[in-house]
Amino acid sequence: MKIINTSFCVLLFFSHTLFGFNNACDYAGSNIDYVKSQTIRALEANDLNTSKFFAYKALNAIEKSRKQLEACDCEYAVKNIYEGLDNLKKATRTTSLESSKILLNRALENTLGSLEAIDEHELHKSNYASDVLAMNTVASKADKVAMKRPNLEALHQRIDNSLVNFQNSLDEVVASVPCKEALSFASKIHGNSEQELLKNNLTEAKKYYNLRTKAIAAEALKKLNGCTD
């Protein structure tokens, strides 16, 4: 229990002391990953009301992710996830579980397509019609990157370094705390990070912090997969 409390203190401390870092596509991808998990839970439900409950959670998460999706500027991801949103809405209006699952399967396909689009975003950015405009834009972006990258990279490293103790503490929980307790603890951290990432009023620092915390917790959950004791 002392280890768990220490880990929570590490989380609480760093959540209030970190500063901003911008990676809109990572944030959007994290939110869409949450949409995927809730859609899967809706599909796995054995009754219509439970299925609709998780479908509503998924569609609400999409609504809360609009700013991140716009900032990521991936038209393929936006197109897919909004098609998923439409299918989720239809699923909440059905009167039978069977009909709902047909729409939920479509929504899941849309969501997976959106995640894939974000992963491949760099491969399908739109080309400019004018070579001159493209050259000017590249130069402009290069200038901005040259000015911002050192600070951003240093900040990125600072955040990652600050989470080393947290990761070590969580590893210790996984190794030494009874499996079910460790699983519950890691699940709460993962869930809390997901919920935080859905908020629109987070500073960029807290977004990145929660993104990294979620990833660390996900690794711990992998280690605890199949927990039975």
C-alpha atoms as a PDB file:
ATOM      1  CA  MET A   1       0.000   0.000   0.000  1.00  0.00           C
ATOM      2  CA  LYS A   2       2.896   2.354   0.762  1.00  0.00           C
ATOM      3  CA  ILE A   3       4.242   1.813  -2.750  1.00  0.00           C
ATOM      4  CA  ILE A   4       0.875   2.630  -4.274  1.00  0.00           C
ATOM      5  CA  ASN A   5       0.513   5.799  -2.202  1.00  0.00           C
ATOM      6  CA  THR A   6       4.024   6.866  -3.200  1.00  0.00           C
ATOM      7  CA  SER A   7       3.177   6.378  -6.858  1.00  0.00           C
ATOM      8  CA  PHE A   8       0.028   8.474  -6.513  1.00  0.00           C
ATOM      9  CA  CYS A   9       2.101  11.232  -4.903  1.00  0.00           C
ATOM     10  CA  VAL A  10       4.526  11.149  -7.829  1.00  0.00           C
ATOM     11  CA  LEU A  11       1.582  11.457 -10.218  1.00  0.00           C
ATOM     12  CA  LEU A  12       0.013  14.306  -8.298  1.00  0.00           C
ATOM     13  CA  PHE A  13       3.265  16.232  -7.952  1.00  0.00           C
ATOM     14  CA  PHE A  14       4.255  16.112 -11.591  1.00  0.00           C
ATOM     15  CA  SER A  15       0.753  16.827 -12.845  1.00  0.00           C
ATOM     16  CA  HIS A  16       1.034  20.259 -11.212  1.00  0.00           C
ATOM     17  CA  THR A  17       4.652  21.083 -12.117  1.00  0.00           C
ATOM     18  CA  LEU A  18       5.080  20.280 -15.829  1.00  0.00           C
ATOM     19  CA  PHE A  19       4.846  22.741 -18.717  1.00  0.00           C
ATOM     20  CA  GLY A  20       3.413  22.617 -22.238  1.00  0.00           C
ATOM     21  CA  PHE A  21       4.219  20.399 -25.200  1.00  0.00           C
ATOM     22  CA  ASN A  22       2.208  20.234 -28.382  1.00  0.00           C
ATOM     23  CA  ASN A  23       1.550  17.032 -30.316  1.00  0.00           C
ATOM     24  CA  ALA A  24      -2.020  17.274 -31.562  1.00  0.00           C
ATOM     25  CA  CYS A  25      -2.044  14.027 -33.539  1.00  0.00           C
ATOM     26  CA  ASP A  26      -0.844  12.044 -30.534  1.00  0.00           C
ATOM     27  CA  TYR A  27      -3.603  13.563 -28.409  1.00  0.00           C
ATOM     28  CA  ALA A  28      -6.208  12.915 -31.087  1.00  0.00           C
ATOM     29  CA  GLY A  29      -4.946   9.356 -31.487  1.00  0.00           C
ATOM     30  CA  SER A  30      -5.198   8.753 -27.757  1.00  0.00           C
ATOM     31  CA  ASN A  31      -8.789   9.999 -27.697  1.00  0.00           C
ATOM     32  CA  ILE A  32      -9.728   7.882 -30.694  1.00  0.00           C
ATOM     33  CA  ASP A  33      -8.124   4.890 -29.007  1.00  0.00           C
ATOM     34  CA  TYR A  34     -10.537   5.521 -26.124  1.00  0.00           C
ATOM     35  CA  VAL A  35     -13.416   5.677 -28.624  1.00  0.00           C
ATOM     36  CA  LYS A  36     -12.288   2.295 -29.927  1.00  0.00           C
ATOM     37  CA  SER A  37     -12.234   0.733 -26.447  1.00  0.00           C
ATOM     38  CA  GLN A  38     -15.731   2.005 -25.624  1.00  0.00           C
ATOM     39  CA  THR A  39     -17.094   0.841 -28.977  1.00  0.00           C
ATOM     40  CA  ILE A  40     -15.671  -2.620 -28.343  1.00  0.00           C
ATOM     41  CA  ARG A  41     -17.320  -2.648 -24.915  1.00  0.00           C
ATOM     42  CA  ALA A  42     -20.611  -1.678 -26.549  1.00  0.00           C
ATOM     43  CA  LEU A  43     -20.225  -4.578 -28.975  1.00  0.00           C
ATOM     44  CA  GLU A  44     -19.464  -6.998 -26.151  1.00  0.00           C
ATOM     45  CA  ALA A  45     -22.534  -5.966 -24.128  1.00  0.00           C
ATOM     46  CA  ASN A  46     -25.236  -8.584 -23.657  1.00  0.00           C
ATOM     47  CA  ASP A  47     -28.175  -6.198 -23.462  1.00  0.00           C
ATOM     48  CA  LEU A  48     -29.237  -3.137 -25.439  1.00  0.00           C
ATOM     49  CA  ASN A  49     -29.149  -0.622 -22.571  1.00  0.00           C
ATOM     50  CA  THR A  50     -25.568  -1.510 -21.634  1.00  0.00           C
ATOM     51  CA  SER A  51     -24.555  -1.417 -25.282  1.00  0.00           C
ATOM     52  CA  LYS A  52     -26.074   2.058 -25.676  1.00  0.00           C
ATOM     53  CA  PHE A  53     -24.318   3.234 -22.503  1.00  0.00           C
ATOM     54  CA  PHE A  54     -20.890   2.489 -23.954  1.00  0.00           C
ATOM     55  CA  ALA A  55     -21.895   3.761 -27.393  1.00  0.00           C
ATOM     56  CA  TYR A  56     -22.794   7.108 -25.798  1.00  0.00           C
ATOM     57  CA  LYS A  57     -19.390   7.202 -24.072  1.00  0.00           C
ATOM     58  CA  ALA A  58     -17.708   6.617 -27.430  1.00  0.00           C
ATOM     59  CA  LEU A  59     -19.659   9.287 -29.292  1.00  0.00           C
ATOM     60  CA  ASN A  60     -19.184  11.812 -26.468  1.00  0.00           C
ATOM     61  CA  ALA A  61     -15.444  11.194 -26.669  1.00  0.00           C
ATOM     62  CA  ILE A  62     -15.519  12.005 -30.386  1.00  0.00           C
ATOM     63  CA  GLU A  63     -17.387  15.243 -29.707  1.00  0.00           C
ATOM     64  CA  LYS A  64     -14.784  16.200 -27.111  1.00  0.00           C
ATOM     65  CA  SER A  65     -11.952  15.466 -29.552  1.00  0.00           C
ATOM     66  CA  ARG A  66     -12.951  17.915 -32.295  1.00  0.00           C
ATOM     67  CA  LYS A  67     -10.270  20.480 -31.410  1.00  0.00           C
ATOM     68  CA  GLN A  68      -7.501  17.880 -31.344  1.00  0.00           C
ATOM     69  CA  LEU A  69      -8.637  16.444 -34.675  1.00  0.00           C
ATOM     70  CA  GLU A  70      -8.709  19.897 -36.247  1.00  0.00           C
ATOM     71  CA  ALA A  71      -5.254  20.676 -34.868  1.00  0.00           C
ATOM     72  CA  CYS A  72      -3.894  17.367 -36.188  1.00  0.00           C
ATOM     73  CA  ASP A  73      -5.219  18.371 -39.626  1.00  0.00           C
ATOM     74  CA  CYS A  74      -5.620  14.828 -40.959  1.00  0.00           C
ATOM     75  CA  GLU A  75      -8.631  14.859 -43.284  1.00  0.00           C
ATOM     76  CA  TYR A  76      -8.716  11.059 -43.573  1.00  0.00           C
ATOM     77  CA  ALA A  77      -8.868  10.635 -39.803  1.00  0.00           C
ATOM     78  CA  VAL A  78     -11.596  13.267 -39.501  1.00  0.00           C
ATOM     79  CA  LYS A  79     -13.658  11.739 -42.313  1.00  0.00           C
ATOM     80  CA  ASN A  80     -13.479   8.253 -40.779  1.00  0.00           C
ATOM     81  CA  ILE A  81     -14.171   9.234 -37.197  1.00  0.00           C
ATOM     82  CA  TYR A  82     -17.164  11.403 -38.122  1.00  0.00           C
ATOM     83  CA  GLU A  83     -18.590   8.511 -40.126  1.00  0.00           C
ATOM     84  CA  GLY A  84     -18.063   6.490 -36.960  1.00  0.00           C
ATOM     85  CA  LEU A  85     -19.871   9.176 -34.985  1.00  0.00           C
ATOM     86  CA  ASP A  86     -22.844   8.913 -37.341  1.00  0.00           C
ATOM     87  CA  ASN A  87     -22.950   5.120 -36.930  1.00  0.00           C
ATOM     88  CA  LEU A  88     -22.686   5.409 -33.153  1.00  0.00           C
ATOM     89  CA  LYS A  89     -25.606   7.829 -33.081  1.00  0.00           C
ATOM     90  CA  LYS A  90     -27.670   5.431 -35.189  1.00  0.00           C
ATOM     91  CA  ALA A  91     -26.701   2.576 -32.863  1.00  0.00           C
ATOM     92  CA  THR A  92     -28.117   4.465 -29.878  1.00  0.00           C
ATOM     93  CA  ARG A  93     -31.465   4.828 -31.686  1.00  0.00           C
ATOM     94  CA  THR A  94     -32.009   1.162 -32.522  1.00  0.00           C
ATOM     95  CA  THR A  95     -34.575  -0.996 -30.762  1.00  0.00           C
ATOM     96  CA  SER A  96     -32.729  -4.309 -30.957  1.00  0.00           C
ATOM     97  CA  LEU A  97     -29.277  -5.472 -29.897  1.00  0.00           C
ATOM     98  CA  GLU A  98     -28.729  -7.173 -33.256  1.00  0.00           C
ATOM     99  CA  SER A  99     -29.351  -3.966 -35.218  1.00  0.00           C
ATOM    100  CA  SER A 100     -27.189  -2.028 -32.819  1.00  0.00           C
ATOM    101  CA  LYS A 101     -24.265  -4.404 -33.287  1.00  0.00           C
ATOM    102  CA  ILE A 102     -24.366  -4.034 -37.070  1.00  0.00           C
ATOM    103  CA  LEU A 103     -23.941  -0.270 -36.677  1.00  0.00           C
ATOM    104  CA  LEU A 104     -21.368  -0.644 -33.919  1.00  0.00           C
ATOM    105  CA  ASN A 105     -19.253  -2.882 -36.138  1.00  0.00           C
ATOM    106  CA  ARG A 106     -19.337  -0.177 -38.801  1.00  0.00           C
ATOM    107  CA  ALA A 107     -18.393   2.428 -36.186  1.00  0.00           C
ATOM    108  CA  LEU A 108     -15.481   0.260 -35.056  1.00  0.00           C
ATOM    109  CA  GLU A 109     -14.259  -0.051 -38.650  1.00  0.00           C
ATOM    110  CA  ASN A 110     -14.470   3.732 -38.999  1.00  0.00           C
ATOM    111  CA  THR A 111     -12.551   4.214 -35.750  1.00  0.00           C
ATOM    112  CA  LEU A 112      -9.810   1.794 -36.761  1.00  0.00           C
ATOM    113  CA  GLY A 113      -9.588   3.580 -40.097  1.00  0.00           C
ATOM    114  CA  SER A 114      -9.190   6.884 -38.296  1.00  0.00           C
ATOM    115  CA  LEU A 115      -6.408   5.514 -36.103  1.00  0.00           C
ATOM    116  CA  GLU A 116      -4.630   4.121 -39.153  1.00  0.00           C
ATOM    117  CA  ALA A 117      -4.965   7.466 -40.913  1.00  0.00           C
ATOM    118  CA  ILE A 118      -3.334   9.269 -38.007  1.00  0.00           C
ATOM    119  CA  ASP A 119      -0.507   6.718 -37.931  1.00  0.00           C
ATOM    120  CA  GLU A 120       0.110   7.322 -41.637  1.00  0.00           C
ATOM    121  CA  HIS A 121      -0.563  11.053 -41.543  1.00  0.00           C
ATOM    122  CA  GLU A 122       2.923  12.015 -42.704  1.00  0.00           C
ATOM    123  CA  LEU A 123       2.524   9.826 -45.805  1.00  0.00           C
ATOM    124  CA  HIS A 124      -0.587  11.470 -47.186  1.00  0.00           C
ATOM    125  CA  LYS A 125      -0.370  15.181 -46.442  1.00  0.00           C
ATOM    126  CA  SER A 126      -1.849  17.234 -49.257  1.00  0.00           C
ATOM    127  CA  ASN A 127       0.526  18.629 -51.883  1.00  0.00           C
ATOM    128  CA  TYR A 128       0.427  22.290 -52.852  1.00  0.00           C
ATOM    129  CA  ALA A 129      -0.471  23.115 -56.427  1.00  0.00           C
ATOM    130  CA  SER A 130       2.261  25.702 -56.697  1.00  0.00           C
ATOM    131  CA  ASP A 131       5.889  24.639 -56.330  1.00  0.00           C
ATOM    132  CA  VAL A 132       6.801  28.168 -55.326  1.00  0.00           C
ATOM    133  CA  LEU A 133       4.163  28.192 -52.602  1.00  0.00           C
ATOM    134  CA  ALA A 134       5.367  24.819 -51.416  1.00  0.00           C
ATOM    135  CA  MET A 135       8.977  26.023 -51.241  1.00  0.00           C
ATOM    136  CA  ASN A 136       7.962  29.142 -49.332  1.00  0.00           C
ATOM    137  CA  THR A 137       5.843  27.093 -46.934  1.00  0.00           C
ATOM    138  CA  VAL A 138       8.654  24.621 -46.313  1.00  0.00           C
ATOM    139  CA  ALA A 139      11.055  27.449 -45.659  1.00  0.00           C
ATOM    140  CA  SER A 140       8.605  29.134 -43.317  1.00  0.00           C
ATOM    141  CA  LYS A 141       8.025  25.912 -41.405  1.00  0.00           C
ATOM    142  CA  ALA A 142      11.742  25.249 -41.261  1.00  0.00           C
ATOM    143  CA  ASP A 143      12.307  28.675 -39.715  1.00  0.00           C
ATOM    144  CA  LYS A 144       9.635  28.039 -37.102  1.00  0.00           C
ATOM    145  CA  VAL A 145      11.028  24.615 -36.305  1.00  0.00           C
ATOM    146  CA  ALA A 146      14.518  26.011 -35.975  1.00  0.00           C
ATOM    147  CA  MET A 147      13.263  28.535 -33.431  1.00  0.00           C
ATOM    148  CA  LYS A 148      10.961  26.222 -31.463  1.00  0.00           C
ATOM    149  CA  ARG A 149      12.537  22.772 -31.630  1.00  0.00           C
ATOM    150  CA  PRO A 150      15.338  23.270 -29.036  1.00  0.00           C
ATOM    151  CA  ASN A 151      12.847  24.446 -26.393  1.00  0.00           C
ATOM    152  CA  LEU A 152      10.321  21.767 -27.277  1.00  0.00           C
ATOM    153  CA  GLU A 153      12.891  19.004 -27.296  1.00  0.00           C
ATOM    154  CA  ALA A 154      14.282  20.127 -23.964  1.00  0.00           C
ATOM    155  CA  LEU A 155      10.787  20.269 -22.517  1.00  0.00           C
ATOM    156  CA  HIS A 156       9.938  16.883 -23.973  1.00  0.00           C
ATOM    157  CA  GLN A 157      13.038  15.421 -22.346  1.00  0.00           C
ATOM    158  CA  ARG A 158      12.239  17.124 -19.066  1.00  0.00           C
ATOM    159  CA  ILE A 159       8.776  15.576 -18.950  1.00  0.00           C
ATOM    160  CA  ASP A 160      10.086  12.135 -19.845  1.00  0.00           C
ATOM    161  CA  ASN A 161      12.789  12.400 -17.194  1.00  0.00           C
ATOM    162  CA  SER A 162      10.251  13.485 -14.603  1.00  0.00           C
ATOM    163  CA  LEU A 163       8.246  10.336 -15.236  1.00  0.00           C
ATOM    164  CA  VAL A 164      11.150   7.951 -14.664  1.00  0.00           C
ATOM    165  CA  ASN A 165      10.455   7.685 -10.929  1.00  0.00           C
ATOM    166  CA  PHE A 166       6.778   7.119 -11.623  1.00  0.00           C
ATOM    167  CA  GLN A 167       7.572   4.346 -14.090  1.00  0.00           C
ATOM    168  CA  ASN A 168       9.978   2.729 -11.633  1.00  0.00           C
ATOM    169  CA  SER A 169       7.341   2.889  -8.893  1.00  0.00           C
ATOM    170  CA  LEU A 170       4.734   1.349 -11.150  1.00  0.00           C
ATOM    171  CA  ASP A 171       7.159  -1.409 -12.150  1.00  0.00           C
ATOM    172  CA  GLU A 172       7.708  -2.096  -8.464  1.00  0.00           C
ATOM    173  CA  VAL A 173       3.939  -2.279  -7.916  1.00  0.00           C
ATOM    174  CA  VAL A 174       3.645  -4.793 -10.753  1.00  0.00           C
ATOM    175  CA  ALA A 175       6.472  -6.892  -9.356  1.00  0.00           C
ATOM    176  CA  SER A 176       5.641  -6.858  -5.644  1.00  0.00           C
ATOM    177  CA  VAL A 177       1.943  -6.087  -5.076  1.00  0.00           C
ATOM    178  CA  PRO A 178      -0.694  -8.869  -5.390  1.00  0.00           C
ATOM    179  CA  CYS A 179      -1.707  -9.144  -9.013  1.00  0.00           C
ATOM    180  CA  LYS A 180      -5.324  -7.999  -8.704  1.00  0.00           C
ATOM    181  CA  GLU A 181      -4.355  -4.969  -6.617  1.00  0.00           C
ATOM    182  CA  ALA A 182      -1.663  -4.015  -9.117  1.00  0.00           C
ATOM    183  CA  LEU A 183      -4.091  -4.502 -11.990  1.00  0.00           C
ATOM    184  CA  SER A 184      -6.675  -2.279 -10.317  1.00  0.00           C
ATOM    185  CA  PHE A 185      -4.078   0.401  -9.623  1.00  0.00           C
ATOM    186  CA  ALA A 186      -2.669   0.433 -13.162  1.00  0.00           C
ATOM    187  CA  SER A 187      -6.190   0.389 -14.633  1.00  0.00           C
ATOM    188  CA  LYS A 188      -7.172   3.449 -12.599  1.00  0.00           C
ATOM    189  CA  ILE A 189      -4.113   5.359 -13.781  1.00  0.00           C
ATOM    190  CA  HIS A 190      -4.792   4.387 -17.389  1.00  0.00           C
ATOM    191  CA  GLY A 191      -8.472   5.297 -17.102  1.00  0.00           C
ATOM    192  CA  ASN A 192      -7.788   8.609 -15.365  1.00  0.00           C
ATOM    193  CA  SER A 193      -5.301   9.575 -18.068  1.00  0.00           C
ATOM    194  CA  GLU A 194      -7.815   8.732 -20.789  1.00  0.00           C
ATOM    195  CA  GLN A 195     -10.480  10.846 -19.116  1.00  0.00           C
ATOM    196  CA  GLU A 196      -8.099  13.765 -18.660  1.00  0.00           C
ATOM    197  CA  LEU A 197      -7.123  13.688 -22.320  1.00  0.00           C
ATOM    198  CA  LEU A 198     -10.747  14.180 -23.297  1.00  0.00           C
ATOM    199  CA  LYS A 199     -10.885  17.569 -21.558  1.00  0.00           C
ATOM    200  CA  ASN A 200     -10.672  20.611 -23.802  1.00  0.00           C
ATOM    201  CA  ASN A 201      -9.251  22.997 -21.209  1.00  0.00           C
ATOM    202  CA  LEU A 202      -6.002  21.168 -20.446  1.00  0.00           C
ATOM    203  CA  THR A 203      -2.697  22.948 -20.867  1.00  0.00           C
ATOM    204  CA  GLU A 204      -0.419  21.394 -23.465  1.00  0.00           C
ATOM    205  CA  ALA A 205       1.829  20.220 -20.620  1.00  0.00           C
ATOM    206  CA  LYS A 206      -0.923  18.262 -18.937  1.00  0.00           C
ATOM    207  CA  LYS A 207      -1.976  16.791 -22.269  1.00  0.00           C
ATOM    208  CA  TYR A 208       1.501  15.442 -22.911  1.00  0.00           C
ATOM    209  CA  TYR A 209       1.911  14.349 -19.306  1.00  0.00           C
ATOM    210  CA  ASN A 210      -1.319  12.340 -19.419  1.00  0.00           C
ATOM    211  CA  LEU A 211      -0.434  10.903 -22.809  1.00  0.00           C
ATOM    212  CA  ARG A 212       2.868   9.587 -21.450  1.00  0.00           C
ATOM    213  CA  THR A 213       1.274   8.401 -18.196  1.00  0.00           C
ATOM    214  CA  LYS A 214      -1.338   6.485 -20.155  1.00  0.00           C
ATOM    215  CA  ALA A 215       1.388   4.808 -22.230  1.00  0.00           C
ATOM    216  CA  ILE A 216       3.346   3.790 -19.107  1.00  0.00           C
ATOM    217  CA  ALA A 217       0.201   2.408 -17.474  1.00  0.00           C
ATOM    218  CA  ALA A 218      -0.629   0.510 -20.685  1.00  0.00           C
ATOM    219  CA  GLU A 219       2.756  -1.228 -20.518  1.00  0.00           C
ATOM    220  CA  ALA A 220       2.075  -2.218 -16.912  1.00  0.00           C
ATOM    221  CA  LEU A 221      -1.325  -3.615 -17.912  1.00  0.00           C
ATOM    222  CA  LYS A 222       0.357  -5.722 -20.594  1.00  0.00           C
ATOM    223  CA  LYS A 223       2.623  -7.240 -17.945  1.00  0.00           C
ATOM    224  CA  LEU A 224      -0.418  -8.011 -15.791  1.00  0.00           C
ATOM    225  CA  ASN A 225      -2.394  -9.575 -18.630  1.00  0.00           C
ATOM    226  CA  GLY A 226      -4.104 -12.772 -17.476  1.00  0.00           C
ATOM    227  CA  CYS A 227      -3.937 -11.774 -13.817  1.00  0.00           C
ATOM    228  CA  THR A 228      -5.754 -14.349 -11.679  1.00  0.00           C
ATOM    229  CA  ASP A 229      -4.561 -14.098  -8.057  1.00  0.00           C
END
